[in-house]
C-alpha atoms as a PDB file:
ATOM      1  CA  UNK A   1       9.397   9.771  26.497  1.00  0.00           C
ATOM      2  CA  UNK A   2       7.575   6.502  25.762  1.00  0.00           C
ATOM      3  CA  UNK A   3       9.060   3.765  23.627  1.00  0.00           C
ATOM      4  CA  UNK A   4       6.299   4.277  21.064  1.00  0.00           C
ATOM      5  CA  UNK A   5       7.030   7.994  20.655  1.00  0.00           C
ATOM      6  CA  UNK A   6      10.786   7.367  20.453  1.00  0.00           C
ATOM      7  CA  UNK A   7      10.235   4.749  17.766  1.00  0.00           C
ATOM      8  CA  UNK A   8       8.025   7.117  15.783  1.00  0.00           C
ATOM      9  CA  UNK A   9      10.705   9.816  15.895  1.00  0.00           C
ATOM     10  CA  UNK A  10      13.406   7.358  14.774  1.00  0.00           C
ATOM     11  CA  UNK A  11      11.250   6.004  11.945  1.00  0.00           C
ATOM     12  CA  UNK A  12      10.279   9.515  10.808  1.00  0.00           C
ATOM     13  CA  UNK A  13      13.929  10.585  10.779  1.00  0.00           C
ATOM     14  CA  UNK A  14      14.925   7.478   8.821  1.00  0.00           C
ATOM     15  CA  UNK A  15      12.077   8.102   6.366  1.00  0.00           C
ATOM     16  CA  UNK A  16      13.165  11.707   5.752  1.00  0.00           C
ATOM     17  CA  UNK A  17      16.787  10.660   5.233  1.00  0.00           C
ATOM     18  CA  UNK A  18      15.757   7.857   2.871  1.00  0.00           C
ATOM     19  CA  UNK A  19      13.561  10.256   0.906  1.00  0.00           C
ATOM     20  CA  UNK A  20      16.427  12.749   0.521  1.00  0.00           C
ATOM     21  CA  UNK A  21      18.785   9.975  -0.567  1.00  0.00           C
ATOM     22  CA  UNK A  22      16.183   8.703  -3.035  1.00  0.00           C
ATOM     23  CA  UNK A  23      16.000  12.151  -4.635  1.00  0.00           C
ATOM     24  CA  UNK A  24      19.705  11.965  -5.437  1.00  0.00           C
ATOM     25  CA  UNK A  25      19.546   8.593  -7.237  1.00  0.00           C
ATOM     26  CA  UNK A  26      18.730   8.244 -10.921  1.00  0.00           C
ATOM     27  CA  UNK A  27      20.170   8.470 -14.432  1.00  0.00           C
ATOM     28  CA  UNK A  28      21.558  11.862 -13.386  1.00  0.00           C
ATOM     29  CA  UNK A  29      23.320  11.640 -10.023  1.00  0.00           C
ATOM     30  CA  UNK A  30      22.684  14.619  -7.771  1.00  0.00           C
ATOM     31  CA  UNK A  31      24.017  15.749  -4.419  1.00  0.00           C
ATOM     32  CA  UNK A  32      21.883  16.786  -1.466  1.00  0.00           C
ATOM     33  CA  UNK A  33      22.691  20.423  -2.269  1.00  0.00           C
ATOM     34  CA  UNK A  34      21.550  19.869  -5.872  1.00  0.00           C
ATOM     35  CA  UNK A  35      18.285  18.487  -4.524  1.00  0.00           C
ATOM     36  CA  UNK A  36      17.788  21.491  -2.228  1.00  0.00           C
ATOM     37  CA  UNK A  37      18.552  23.881  -5.069  1.00  0.00           C
ATOM     38  CA  UNK A  38      16.204  21.935  -7.313  1.00  0.00           C
ATOM     39  CA  UNK A  39      13.338  22.193  -4.836  1.00  0.00           C
ATOM     40  CA  UNK A  40      13.811  25.843  -3.893  1.00  0.00           C
ATOM     41  CA  UNK A  41      15.639  27.174  -6.957  1.00  0.00           C
ATOM     42  CA  UNK A  42      14.332  28.639 -10.249  1.00  0.00           C
ATOM     43  CA  UNK A  43      11.634  26.468 -11.839  1.00  0.00           C
ATOM     44  CA  UNK A  44      13.233  26.587 -15.299  1.00  0.00           C
ATOM     45  CA  UNK A  45      16.562  25.220 -14.097  1.00  0.00           C
ATOM     46  CA  UNK A  46      17.289  21.676 -15.467  1.00  0.00           C
ATOM     47  CA  UNK A  47      18.050  20.343 -11.984  1.00  0.00           C
ATOM     48  CA  UNK A  48      14.819  21.850 -10.674  1.00  0.00           C
ATOM     49  CA  UNK A  49      12.840  20.125 -13.444  1.00  0.00           C
ATOM     50  CA  UNK A  50      14.478  16.762 -12.666  1.00  0.00           C
ATOM     51  CA  UNK A  51      13.820  17.073  -8.930  1.00  0.00           C
ATOM     52  CA  UNK A  52      10.413  18.772  -8.840  1.00  0.00           C
ATOM     53  CA  UNK A  53       8.699  17.154 -11.814  1.00  0.00           C
ATOM     54  CA  UNK A  54      10.291  13.688 -11.970  1.00  0.00           C
ATOM     55  CA  UNK A  55      11.773  12.536  -8.685  1.00  0.00           C
ATOM     56  CA  UNK A  56       9.827  14.395  -5.981  1.00  0.00           C
ATOM     57  CA  UNK A  57       6.359  13.151  -7.074  1.00  0.00           C
ATOM     58  CA  UNK A  58       7.755   9.613  -7.278  1.00  0.00           C
ATOM     59  CA  UNK A  59       9.237   9.770  -3.778  1.00  0.00           C
ATOM     60  CA  UNK A  60       6.150  11.382  -2.216  1.00  0.00           C
ATOM     61  CA  UNK A  61       3.865   8.864  -3.908  1.00  0.00           C
ATOM     62  CA  UNK A  62       6.035   6.000  -2.647  1.00  0.00           C
ATOM     63  CA  UNK A  63       5.829   7.321   0.919  1.00  0.00           C
ATOM     64  CA  UNK A  64       2.074   7.820   0.603  1.00  0.00           C
ATOM     65  CA  UNK A  65       1.420   4.348  -0.803  1.00  0.00           C
ATOM     66  CA  UNK A  66       3.813   2.605   1.579  1.00  0.00           C
ATOM     67  CA  UNK A  67       2.143   4.325   4.527  1.00  0.00           C
ATOM     68  CA  UNK A  68      -1.297   3.320   3.255  1.00  0.00           C
ATOM     69  CA  UNK A  69      -0.211  -0.314   2.896  1.00  0.00           C
ATOM     70  CA  UNK A  70       1.446  -0.337   6.322  1.00  0.00           C
ATOM     71  CA  UNK A  71      -1.420   1.156   8.316  1.00  0.00           C
ATOM     72  CA  UNK A  72      -4.019  -0.885   6.402  1.00  0.00           C
ATOM     73  CA  UNK A  73      -2.148  -4.114   7.121  1.00  0.00           C
ATOM     74  CA  UNK A  74      -1.820  -3.270  10.810  1.00  0.00           C
ATOM     75  CA  UNK A  75      -5.492  -2.295  11.143  1.00  0.00           C
ATOM     76  CA  UNK A  76      -6.751  -5.373   9.270  1.00  0.00           C
ATOM     77  CA  UNK A  77      -4.560  -7.740  11.287  1.00  0.00           C
ATOM     78  CA  UNK A  78      -5.927  -6.128  14.439  1.00  0.00           C
ATOM     79  CA  UNK A  79      -9.612  -6.158  13.552  1.00  0.00           C
ATOM     80  CA  UNK A  80      -9.526  -9.631  11.974  1.00  0.00           C
ATOM     81  CA  UNK A  81      -7.234 -10.909  14.753  1.00  0.00           C
ATOM     82  CA  UNK A  82      -5.245 -12.714  12.106  1.00  0.00           C
ATOM     83  CA  UNK A  83      -1.472 -12.109  11.751  1.00  0.00           C
ATOM     84  CA  UNK A  84      -1.640 -13.303   8.131  1.00  0.00           C
ATOM     85  CA  UNK A  85      -4.210 -10.694   7.068  1.00  0.00           C
ATOM     86  CA  UNK A  86      -3.106  -8.054   4.592  1.00  0.00           C
ATOM     87  CA  UNK A  87      -4.840  -5.588   2.232  1.00  0.00           C
ATOM     88  CA  UNK A  88      -5.182  -8.310  -0.395  1.00  0.00           C
ATOM     89  CA  UNK A  89      -7.473 -10.348   1.849  1.00  0.00           C
ATOM     90  CA  UNK A  90     -10.425  -7.987   1.293  1.00  0.00           C
ATOM     91  CA  UNK A  91     -10.233  -8.282  -2.495  1.00  0.00           C
ATOM     92  CA  UNK A  92      -9.771  -4.602  -3.305  1.00  0.00           C
ATOM     93  CA  UNK A  93      -6.263  -4.963  -4.750  1.00  0.00           C
ATOM     94  CA  UNK A  94      -7.379  -7.680  -7.165  1.00  0.00           C
ATOM     95  CA  UNK A  95     -10.463  -5.676  -8.166  1.00  0.00           C
ATOM     96  CA  UNK A  96      -8.340  -2.617  -8.903  1.00  0.00           C
ATOM     97  CA  UNK A  97      -6.013  -4.812 -10.981  1.00  0.00           C
ATOM     98  CA  UNK A  98      -9.016  -6.086 -12.953  1.00  0.00           C
ATOM     99  CA  UNK A  99     -10.095  -2.529 -13.733  1.00  0.00           C
ATOM    100  CA  UNK A 100      -6.606  -1.631 -14.899  1.00  0.00           C
ATOM    101  CA  UNK A 101      -6.171  -4.616 -17.223  1.00  0.00           C
ATOM    102  CA  UNK A 102      -9.609  -3.941 -18.736  1.00  0.00           C
ATOM    103  CA  UNK A 103      -8.466  -0.392 -19.516  1.00  0.00           C
ATOM    104  CA  UNK A 104      -5.292  -1.726 -21.153  1.00  0.00           C
ATOM    105  CA  UNK A 105      -7.257  -4.361 -23.087  1.00  0.00           C
ATOM    106  CA  UNK A 106      -9.668  -1.750 -24.430  1.00  0.00           C
ATOM    107  CA  UNK A 107      -6.772   0.546 -25.349  1.00  0.00           C
ATOM    108  CA  UNK A 108      -8.342   3.590 -23.681  1.00  0.00           C
ATOM    109  CA  UNK A 109      -5.006   4.390 -22.010  1.00  0.00           C
ATOM    110  CA  UNK A 110      -3.671   5.275 -25.472  1.00  0.00           C
ATOM    111  CA  UNK A 111      -6.244   8.068 -25.589  1.00  0.00           C
ATOM    112  CA  UNK A 112      -5.538   9.264 -22.035  1.00  0.00           C
ATOM    113  CA  UNK A 113      -3.023   7.530 -19.714  1.00  0.00           C
ATOM    114  CA  UNK A 114      -5.113   8.385 -16.653  1.00  0.00           C
ATOM    115  CA  UNK A 115      -7.807   5.981 -17.829  1.00  0.00           C
ATOM    116  CA  UNK A 116      -5.771   3.144 -16.248  1.00  0.00           C
ATOM    117  CA  UNK A 117      -5.951   4.531 -12.670  1.00  0.00           C
ATOM    118  CA  UNK A 118      -9.542   5.669 -13.253  1.00  0.00           C
ATOM    119  CA  UNK A 119     -10.627   2.175 -14.330  1.00  0.00           C
ATOM    120  CA  UNK A 120      -8.609   0.684 -11.454  1.00  0.00           C
ATOM    121  CA  UNK A 121     -10.312   2.944  -8.950  1.00  0.00           C
ATOM    122  CA  UNK A 122     -13.639   1.926 -10.481  1.00  0.00           C
ATOM    123  CA  UNK A 123     -12.828  -1.728  -9.798  1.00  0.00           C
ATOM    124  CA  UNK A 124     -11.733  -0.882  -6.259  1.00  0.00           C
ATOM    125  CA  UNK A 125     -14.932   1.123  -5.721  1.00  0.00           C
ATOM    126  CA  UNK A 126     -17.080  -1.822  -6.800  1.00  0.00           C
ATOM    127  CA  UNK A 127     -15.309  -4.130  -4.343  1.00  0.00           C
ATOM    128  CA  UNK A 128     -15.635  -1.482  -1.609  1.00  0.00           C
ATOM    129  CA  UNK A 129     -19.387  -1.191  -2.184  1.00  0.00           C
ATOM    130  CA  UNK A 130     -19.772  -4.968  -1.881  1.00  0.00           C
ATOM    131  CA  UNK A 131     -17.776  -4.957   1.348  1.00  0.00           C
ATOM    132  CA  UNK A 132     -19.837  -2.015   2.588  1.00  0.00           C
ATOM    133  CA  UNK A 133     -23.070  -3.900   1.964  1.00  0.00           C
ATOM    134  CA  UNK A 134     -21.719  -6.974   3.759  1.00  0.00           C
ATOM    135  CA  UNK A 135     -20.377  -4.999   6.734  1.00  0.00           C
ATOM    136  CA  UNK A 136     -23.770  -3.328   7.225  1.00  0.00           C
ATOM    137  CA  UNK A 137     -25.661  -6.648   7.137  1.00  0.00           C
ATOM    138  CA  UNK A 138     -23.091  -8.905   8.823  1.00  0.00           C
ATOM    139  CA  UNK A 139     -21.018  -8.308  11.952  1.00  0.00           C
ATOM    140  CA  UNK A 140     -19.077 -11.565  11.554  1.00  0.00           C
ATOM    141  CA  UNK A 141     -15.356 -11.166  10.864  1.00  0.00           C
ATOM    142  CA  UNK A 142     -15.301 -14.591   9.234  1.00  0.00           C
ATOM    143  CA  UNK A 143     -17.977 -13.500   6.764  1.00  0.00           C
ATOM    144  CA  UNK A 144     -15.948 -10.421   5.783  1.00  0.00           C
ATOM    145  CA  UNK A 145     -12.870 -12.575   5.200  1.00  0.00           C
ATOM    146  CA  UNK A 146     -14.826 -15.085   3.104  1.00  0.00           C
ATOM    147  CA  UNK A 147     -16.435 -12.350   1.019  1.00  0.00           C
ATOM    148  CA  UNK A 148     -13.027 -10.703   0.510  1.00  0.00           C
ATOM    149  CA  UNK A 149     -11.498 -13.997  -0.618  1.00  0.00           C
ATOM    150  CA  UNK A 150     -14.418 -14.520  -2.979  1.00  0.00           C
ATOM    151  CA  UNK A 151     -14.050 -11.031  -4.468  1.00  0.00           C
ATOM    152  CA  UNK A 152     -10.296 -11.517  -4.873  1.00  0.00           C
ATOM    153  CA  UNK A 153     -10.694 -14.921  -6.553  1.00  0.00           C
ATOM    154  CA  UNK A 154     -13.361 -13.632  -8.927  1.00  0.00           C
ATOM    155  CA  UNK A 155     -11.320 -10.536  -9.804  1.00  0.00           C
ATOM    156  CA  UNK A 156      -8.173 -12.571 -10.503  1.00  0.00           C
ATOM    157  CA  UNK A 157     -10.225 -14.919 -12.664  1.00  0.00           C
ATOM    158  CA  UNK A 158     -11.379 -11.833 -14.552  1.00  0.00           C
ATOM    159  CA  UNK A 159      -7.767 -10.673 -14.944  1.00  0.00           C
ATOM    160  CA  UNK A 160      -6.807 -14.096 -16.360  1.00  0.00           C
ATOM    161  CA  UNK A 161      -9.773 -13.981 -18.737  1.00  0.00           C
ATOM    162  CA  UNK A 162      -8.881 -10.516 -20.043  1.00  0.00           C
ATOM    163  CA  UNK A 163      -5.253 -11.523 -20.548  1.00  0.00           C
ATOM    164  CA  UNK A 164      -6.377 -14.708 -22.294  1.00  0.00           C
ATOM    165  CA  UNK A 165      -8.612 -12.730 -24.673  1.00  0.00           C
ATOM    166  CA  UNK A 166      -5.970 -10.088 -25.429  1.00  0.00           C
ATOM    167  CA  UNK A 167      -4.888 -10.360 -29.062  1.00  0.00           C
ATOM    168  CA  UNK A 168      -1.854  -8.089 -28.879  1.00  0.00           C
ATOM    169  CA  UNK A 169       1.313  -9.379 -27.171  1.00  0.00           C
ATOM    170  CA  UNK A 170       2.123  -5.774 -26.312  1.00  0.00           C
ATOM    171  CA  UNK A 171      -1.170  -5.445 -24.439  1.00  0.00           C
ATOM    172  CA  UNK A 172      -0.401  -8.596 -22.445  1.00  0.00           C
ATOM    173  CA  UNK A 173       3.068  -7.268 -21.676  1.00  0.00           C
ATOM    174  CA  UNK A 174       1.607  -3.940 -20.515  1.00  0.00           C
ATOM    175  CA  UNK A 175      -0.844  -5.786 -18.269  1.00  0.00           C
ATOM    176  CA  UNK A 176       1.898  -7.903 -16.728  1.00  0.00           C
ATOM    177  CA  UNK A 177       4.212  -4.933 -16.202  1.00  0.00           C
ATOM    178  CA  UNK A 178       1.409  -2.937 -14.572  1.00  0.00           C
ATOM    179  CA  UNK A 179       0.525  -5.800 -12.244  1.00  0.00           C
ATOM    180  CA  UNK A 180       4.159  -6.095 -11.156  1.00  0.00           C
ATOM    181  CA  UNK A 181       3.905  -2.566  -9.750  1.00  0.00           C
ATOM    182  CA  UNK A 182       6.059   0.492 -10.345  1.00  0.00           C
ATOM    183  CA  UNK A 183       6.523   4.136  -9.373  1.00  0.00           C
ATOM    184  CA  UNK A 184       8.474   4.939 -12.515  1.00  0.00           C
ATOM    185  CA  UNK A 185       7.286   7.949 -14.538  1.00  0.00           C
ATOM    186  CA  UNK A 186       4.643   8.871 -11.955  1.00  0.00           C
ATOM    187  CA  UNK A 187       3.758  12.571 -11.857  1.00  0.00           C
ATOM    188  CA  UNK A 188       2.032  15.060  -9.590  1.00  0.00           C
ATOM    189  CA  UNK A 189      -1.222  14.157 -11.372  1.00  0.00           C
ATOM    190  CA  UNK A 190      -0.958  10.592 -10.060  1.00  0.00           C
ATOM    191  CA  UNK A 191      -0.057  11.937  -6.617  1.00  0.00           C
ATOM    192  CA  UNK A 192      -3.075  14.238  -6.413  1.00  0.00           C
ATOM    193  CA  UNK A 193      -5.343  11.541  -7.838  1.00  0.00           C
ATOM    194  CA  UNK A 194      -4.514   9.110  -5.027  1.00  0.00           C
ATOM    195  CA  UNK A 195      -3.995  11.606  -2.193  1.00  0.00           C
ATOM    196  CA  UNK A 196      -7.609  12.445  -1.195  1.00  0.00           C
ATOM    197  CA  UNK A 197      -8.707   8.801  -1.150  1.00  0.00           C
ATOM    198  CA  UNK A 198      -5.693   7.625   0.842  1.00  0.00           C
ATOM    199  CA  UNK A 199      -6.180  10.479   3.327  1.00  0.00           C
ATOM    200  CA  UNK A 200      -9.856   9.546   3.691  1.00  0.00           C
ATOM    201  CA  UNK A 201      -8.839   5.960   4.437  1.00  0.00           C
ATOM    202  CA  UNK A 202      -6.325   7.170   7.014  1.00  0.00           C
ATOM    203  CA  UNK A 203      -8.924   9.360   8.711  1.00  0.00           C
ATOM    204  CA  UNK A 204     -11.228   6.365   9.038  1.00  0.00           C
ATOM    205  CA  UNK A 205      -8.513   4.080  10.445  1.00  0.00           C
ATOM    206  CA  UNK A 206      -5.976   6.122  12.359  1.00  0.00           C
ATOM    207  CA  UNK A 207      -7.971   6.606  15.600  1.00  0.00           C
ATOM    208  CA  UNK A 208      -9.335   3.065  16.005  1.00  0.00           C
ATOM    209  CA  UNK A 209      -6.401   2.075  18.212  1.00  0.00           C
ATOM    210  CA  UNK A 210      -8.359   1.904  21.467  1.00  0.00           C
ATOM    211  CA  UNK A 211     -10.962  -0.337  19.855  1.00  0.00           C
ATOM    212  CA  UNK A 212      -8.301  -2.661  18.407  1.00  0.00           C
ATOM    213  CA  UNK A 213      -6.591  -2.956  21.803  1.00  0.00           C
ATOM    214  CA  UNK A 214      -9.909  -3.833  23.437  1.00  0.00           C
ATOM    215  CA  UNK A 215     -10.787  -6.307  20.682  1.00  0.00           C
ATOM    216  CA  UNK A 216      -7.462  -8.112  21.146  1.00  0.00           C
ATOM    217  CA  UNK A 217      -8.658  -9.509  24.491  1.00  0.00           C
ATOM    218  CA  UNK A 218     -12.014 -10.669  23.113  1.00  0.00           C
ATOM    219  CA  UNK A 219     -15.229  -9.339  21.628  1.00  0.00           C
ATOM    220  CA  UNK A 220     -17.163  -9.622  24.903  1.00  0.00           C
ATOM    221  CA  UNK A 221     -14.540  -7.583  26.739  1.00  0.00           C
ATOM    222  CA  UNK A 222     -14.535  -4.975  23.972  1.00  0.00           C
ATOM    223  CA  UNK A 223     -18.319  -4.651  24.149  1.00  0.00           C
ATOM    224  CA  UNK A 224     -18.170  -4.284  27.927  1.00  0.00           C
ATOM    225  CA  UNK A 225     -15.768  -1.360  27.407  1.00  0.00           C
ATOM    226  CA  UNK A 226     -18.313   0.369  25.177  1.00  0.00           C
ATOM    227  CA  UNK A 227     -16.674  -0.422  21.838  1.00  0.00           C
ATOM    228  CA  UNK A 228     -19.060  -0.545  18.880  1.00  0.00           C
ATOM    229  CA  UNK A 229     -17.595  -3.550  17.104  1.00  0.00           C
ATOM    230  CA  UNK A 230     -19.718  -3.168  13.975  1.00  0.00           C
ATOM    231  CA  UNK A 231     -18.554   0.411  13.511  1.00  0.00           C
ATOM    232  CA  UNK A 232     -14.947  -0.577  14.270  1.00  0.00           C
ATOM    233  CA  UNK A 233     -14.979  -3.275  11.588  1.00  0.00           C
ATOM    234  CA  UNK A 234     -16.748  -0.961   9.171  1.00  0.00           C
ATOM    235  CA  UNK A 235     -14.151   1.795   9.582  1.00  0.00           C
ATOM    236  CA  UNK A 236     -11.166  -0.527   9.218  1.00  0.00           C
ATOM    237  CA  UNK A 237     -12.451  -2.536   6.256  1.00  0.00           C
ATOM    238  CA  UNK A 238     -13.850   0.404   4.299  1.00  0.00           C
ATOM    239  CA  UNK A 239     -10.932   2.697   5.205  1.00  0.00           C
ATOM    240  CA  UNK A 240      -8.478   0.029   4.009  1.00  0.00           C
ATOM    241  CA  UNK A 241     -10.465  -0.558   0.851  1.00  0.00           C
ATOM    242  CA  UNK A 242     -10.545   3.127  -0.073  1.00  0.00           C
ATOM    243  CA  UNK A 243      -6.861   3.788   0.552  1.00  0.00           C
ATOM    244  CA  UNK A 244      -5.573   0.533  -0.974  1.00  0.00           C
ATOM    245  CA  UNK A 245      -7.800   0.937  -4.016  1.00  0.00           C
ATOM    246  CA  UNK A 246      -6.324   4.389  -4.618  1.00  0.00           C
ATOM    247  CA  UNK A 247      -2.768   3.134  -4.045  1.00  0.00           C
ATOM    248  CA  UNK A 248      -3.088   0.185  -6.427  1.00  0.00           C
ATOM    249  CA  UNK A 249      -4.759   2.379  -9.047  1.00  0.00           C
ATOM    250  CA  UNK A 250      -1.677   4.551  -9.518  1.00  0.00           C
ATOM    251  CA  UNK A 251       1.216   2.132  -8.970  1.00  0.00           C
ATOM    252  CA  UNK A 252      -0.077  -1.389  -9.633  1.00  0.00           C
ATOM    253  CA  UNK A 253       0.047  -4.325  -7.244  1.00  0.00           C
ATOM    254  CA  UNK A 254       2.603  -4.101  -4.428  1.00  0.00           C
ATOM    255  CA  UNK A 255       2.864  -7.282  -2.390  1.00  0.00           C
ATOM    256  CA  UNK A 256       4.029  -8.129   1.132  1.00  0.00           C
ATOM    257  CA  UNK A 257       4.309  -4.559   2.495  1.00  0.00           C
ATOM    258  CA  UNK A 258       0.964  -4.643   4.292  1.00  0.00           C
ATOM    259  CA  UNK A 259       1.682  -8.158   5.559  1.00  0.00           C
ATOM    260  CA  UNK A 260       5.270  -7.769   6.766  1.00  0.00           C
ATOM    261  CA  UNK A 261       5.392  -4.196   8.104  1.00  0.00           C
ATOM    262  CA  UNK A 262       3.115  -4.767  11.149  1.00  0.00           C
ATOM    263  CA  UNK A 263       5.227  -7.780  12.165  1.00  0.00           C
ATOM    264  CA  UNK A 264       8.414  -5.714  11.873  1.00  0.00           C
ATOM    265  CA  UNK A 265       6.909  -2.948  14.004  1.00  0.00           C
ATOM    266  CA  UNK A 266       5.676  -5.338  16.713  1.00  0.00           C
ATOM    267  CA  UNK A 267       9.210  -6.572  17.249  1.00  0.00           C
ATOM    268  CA  UNK A 268      10.542  -3.081  17.964  1.00  0.00           C
ATOM    269  CA  UNK A 269       7.575  -1.230  19.524  1.00  0.00           C
ATOM    270  CA  UNK A 270       4.740  -3.226  21.075  1.00  0.00           C
ATOM    271  CA  UNK A 271       2.418  -6.107  20.377  1.00  0.00           C
ATOM    272  CA  UNK A 272      -0.695  -4.032  21.112  1.00  0.00           C
ATOM    273  CA  UNK A 273      -2.551  -3.830  17.757  1.00  0.00           C
ATOM    274  CA  UNK A 274      -3.859  -0.320  18.370  1.00  0.00           C
ATOM    275  CA  UNK A 275      -0.424   1.135  19.164  1.00  0.00           C
ATOM    276  CA  UNK A 276       1.300   0.093  15.936  1.00  0.00           C
ATOM    277  CA  UNK A 277      -0.849   2.025  13.441  1.00  0.00           C
ATOM    278  CA  UNK A 278       1.328   5.149  13.168  1.00  0.00           C
ATOM    279  CA  UNK A 279       4.650   3.231  13.378  1.00  0.00           C
ATOM    280  CA  UNK A 280       3.361   0.891  10.657  1.00  0.00           C
ATOM    281  CA  UNK A 281       2.528   3.855   8.435  1.00  0.00           C
ATOM    282  CA  UNK A 282       6.055   5.239   8.886  1.00  0.00           C
ATOM    283  CA  UNK A 283       7.696   1.839   8.421  1.00  0.00           C
ATOM    284  CA  UNK A 284       5.617   1.179   5.307  1.00  0.00           C
ATOM    285  CA  UNK A 285       6.690   4.476   3.774  1.00  0.00           C
ATOM    286  CA  UNK A 286      10.322   3.758   4.644  1.00  0.00           C
ATOM    287  CA  UNK A 287      10.248   0.211   3.254  1.00  0.00           C
ATOM    288  CA  UNK A 288       8.663   1.245  -0.040  1.00  0.00           C
ATOM    289  CA  UNK A 289      11.092   4.168  -0.419  1.00  0.00           C
ATOM    290  CA  UNK A 290      14.065   1.849   0.056  1.00  0.00           C
ATOM    291  CA  UNK A 291      12.561  -0.730  -2.312  1.00  0.00           C
ATOM    292  CA  UNK A 292      12.017   1.931  -4.978  1.00  0.00           C
ATOM    293  CA  UNK A 293      15.662   2.935  -4.666  1.00  0.00           C
ATOM    294  CA  UNK A 294      16.636  -0.660  -5.465  1.00  0.00           C
ATOM    295  CA  UNK A 295      14.561  -0.574  -8.675  1.00  0.00           C
ATOM    296  CA  UNK A 296      16.900   2.128  -9.973  1.00  0.00           C
ATOM    297  CA  UNK A 297      19.936  -0.134  -9.818  1.00  0.00           C
ATOM    298  CA  UNK A 298      21.237  -0.796 -13.337  1.00  0.00           C
ATOM    299  CA  UNK A 299      20.125  -4.204 -14.604  1.00  0.00           C
ATOM    300  CA  UNK A 300      20.985  -5.619 -18.035  1.00  0.00           C
ATOM    301  CA  UNK A 301      18.121  -5.537 -20.510  1.00  0.00           C
ATOM    302  CA  UNK A 302      15.261  -4.685 -18.137  1.00  0.00           C
ATOM    303  CA  UNK A 303      14.117  -2.548 -15.235  1.00  0.00           C
ATOM    304  CA  UNK A 304      13.345  -4.077 -11.860  1.00  0.00           C
ATOM    305  CA  UNK A 305       9.669  -3.679 -10.986  1.00  0.00           C
ATOM    306  CA  UNK A 306       8.729  -2.442  -7.528  1.00  0.00           C
ATOM    307  CA  UNK A 307       6.364  -5.326  -6.762  1.00  0.00           C
ATOM    308  CA  UNK A 308       9.147  -7.808  -7.526  1.00  0.00           C
ATOM    309  CA  UNK A 309      11.541  -6.040  -5.149  1.00  0.00           C
ATOM    310  CA  UNK A 310       9.006  -5.857  -2.303  1.00  0.00           C
ATOM    311  CA  UNK A 311       8.279  -9.562  -2.716  1.00  0.00           C
ATOM    312  CA  UNK A 312      11.994 -10.413  -2.705  1.00  0.00           C
ATOM    313  CA  UNK A 313      12.385  -8.377   0.496  1.00  0.00           C
ATOM    314  CA  UNK A 314       9.092  -9.271   2.102  1.00  0.00           C
ATOM    315  CA  UNK A 315       8.947 -13.034   1.661  1.00  0.00           C
ATOM    316  CA  UNK A 316      12.308 -13.844   3.350  1.00  0.00           C
ATOM    317  CA  UNK A 317      11.606 -11.243   6.051  1.00  0.00           C
ATOM    318  CA  UNK A 318       8.254 -12.830   6.784  1.00  0.00           C
ATOM    319  CA  UNK A 319       9.788 -16.321   6.944  1.00  0.00           C
ATOM    320  CA  UNK A 320      12.447 -14.999   9.339  1.00  0.00           C
ATOM    321  CA  UNK A 321       9.785 -13.405  11.552  1.00  0.00           C
ATOM    322  CA  UNK A 322       7.858 -16.704  11.644  1.00  0.00           C
ATOM    323  CA  UNK A 323      11.057 -18.573  12.554  1.00  0.00           C
ATOM    324  CA  UNK A 324      11.933 -16.155  15.385  1.00  0.00           C
ATOM    325  CA  UNK A 325       8.356 -16.186  16.684  1.00  0.00           C
ATOM    326  CA  UNK A 326       8.240 -19.985  16.695  1.00  0.00           C
ATOM    327  CA  UNK A 327      11.655 -20.152  18.362  1.00  0.00           C
ATOM    328  CA  UNK A 328      10.504 -17.716  21.049  1.00  0.00           C
ATOM    329  CA  UNK A 329       7.430 -19.857  21.805  1.00  0.00           C
ATOM    330  CA  UNK A 330       9.518 -22.932  22.689  1.00  0.00           C
END
């Protein structure tokens, strides 16, 4: 059994165990047997309602979003050949955030809560279409990065403008809380809203491993091996945009997962960019599940937001990885 397969099995096992543990944590503490009874027991049982309608959608959505962030980060770092690339570099996350804060500013979420993810997905779609147009016309990786940075800067300027124009302090607070990211109170509706788009992004990205491995030794070598670099870049950038846009639309902005997870996986599996896609998806789901568990710790006066926890975990981890990498190069 190869090291890659063994790692995938270990990560999958850890993810399943973390998901089961996450189902037991909350205002009402449950045992593993309570969780099993809640999933397979009568639907009108109080424990079944807690597990099936409140905690299970939250856990599944966390796994789905963490996996999307992980595989997108790994694919983008591979195709851009930049270890600092993450889903935010293409501007889709910021565009989705702009759509969400516009929905909050207009107050349409008071009519129907799903207007927030719908507006967010609209912002992500607009950014995706711009990236699509650029990827068709330009094969340059540098151009894609510059366009993504431009989209992100413009979208964040739009977010600042909307927050500046907001008259209600409550609206500003809602915008800030949404941008900090959370899986709290997410339902099966949110899960099924994001699922098809994230799956579509996965389908576009998950089998580009051979192309990423070839690209890692140079574009000329990749072309000589029959790799269509334009199509490779198109699939990674658009696949990432679709899946990240859907993820951000239902949970807000989640930082550092897409940046840190590929580096964590490289240290335990391989440095080949095409071989870390699936492990990165599993590690991303595991990391976000563990981070969401930390948000349920009792804190005086407020609830920890998921984006804050991932940043507190991700930033020191990333600095440690940089330190170890630099030390190993000496």
